[in-house]
Amino acid sequence: MTPQFDEDTRKALESLRNSVAKALDRKRRLGQYAVVWKDGKSVYIGPNPPEPKKPTRSDPARR
């Protein structure tokens, strides 16, 4: 079920969605990767993402 928003909120969300779509399209055309939030984690999308960092002893414990 899609939540119902008032007109100002709907316009703000539409503006944000359009801005994100434009930014991701620009990165795609420039051949750059982007970082997005998916399934509770940050993930890279697009070409040539950096290699995942391996945890070291100085990194905080991951739980």
Protein backbone atom coordinates (compact mmCIF):
# COMPACT_ATOMS: atom_id res chain seq x y z
CA MET A 1 0.00 0.00 0.00
CA THR A 2 1.40 3.39 -1.00
CA PRO A 3 1.16 6.07 1.69
CA GLN A 4 -0.83 9.19 0.85
CA PHE A 5 1.05 12.48 1.15
CA ASP A 6 -0.13 16.06 1.11
CA GLU A 7 0.57 18.10 -2.04
CA ASP A 8 3.73 19.82 -0.72
CA THR A 9 5.25 16.53 0.42
CA ARG A 10 4.39 14.86 -2.89
CA LYS A 11 6.06 17.69 -4.83
CA ALA A 12 9.17 17.53 -2.63
CA LEU A 13 9.48 13.75 -3.08
CA GLU A 14 9.00 14.08 -6.84
CA SER A 15 11.71 16.75 -6.98
CA LEU A 16 14.12 14.56 -4.99
CA ARG A 17 13.43 11.54 -7.20
CA ASN A 18 14.05 13.61 -10.34
CA SER A 19 17.30 15.02 -8.93
CA VAL A 20 18.59 11.56 -8.00
CA ALA A 21 17.63 10.15 -11.40
CA LYS A 22 19.51 12.98 -13.15
CA ALA A 23 22.59 12.53 -10.96
CA LEU A 24 22.67 8.75 -11.54
CA ASP A 25 22.15 9.22 -15.28
CA ARG A 26 25.01 11.73 -15.41
CA LYS A 27 27.32 9.34 -13.54
CA ARG A 28 26.33 6.54 -15.93
CA ARG A 29 27.08 8.70 -19.00
CA LEU A 30 30.45 9.73 -17.53
CA GLY A 31 31.34 6.11 -16.81
CA GLN A 32 31.45 6.64 -13.05
CA TYR A 33 30.16 4.36 -10.33
CA ALA A 34 27.66 5.47 -7.71
CA VAL A 35 27.04 4.38 -4.13
CA VAL A 36 23.43 3.57 -3.23
CA TRP A 37 21.61 2.06 -0.26
CA LYS A 38 20.15 -1.39 -0.95
CA ASP A 39 18.82 -4.02 1.45
CA GLY A 40 20.25 -2.18 4.45
CA LYS A 41 23.77 -1.86 2.99
CA SER A 42 25.65 0.59 0.83
CA VAL A 43 26.50 -0.90 -2.57
CA TYR A 44 28.36 0.31 -5.64
CA ILE A 45 26.56 0.42 -8.98
CA GLY A 46 28.11 1.12 -12.33
CA PRO A 47 31.52 0.48 -13.85
CA ASN A 48 34.87 0.27 -12.07
CA PRO A 49 33.80 0.39 -8.42
CA PRO A 50 36.63 0.35 -5.89
CA GLU A 51 37.61 -2.98 -4.39
CA PRO A 52 35.87 -3.79 -1.10
CA LYS A 53 38.03 -2.88 1.87
CA LYS A 54 39.18 -5.76 4.01
CA PRO A 55 38.76 -5.23 7.76
CA THR A 56 41.95 -4.59 9.69
CA ARG A 57 42.70 -4.65 13.41
CA SER A 58 42.26 -0.87 13.55
CA ASP A 59 38.72 -1.08 12.13
CA PRO A 60 35.90 -1.16 14.67
CA ALA A 61 34.37 -4.58 15.21
CA ARG A 62 31.63 -5.33 12.72
CA ARG A 63 28.55 -6.84 14.24
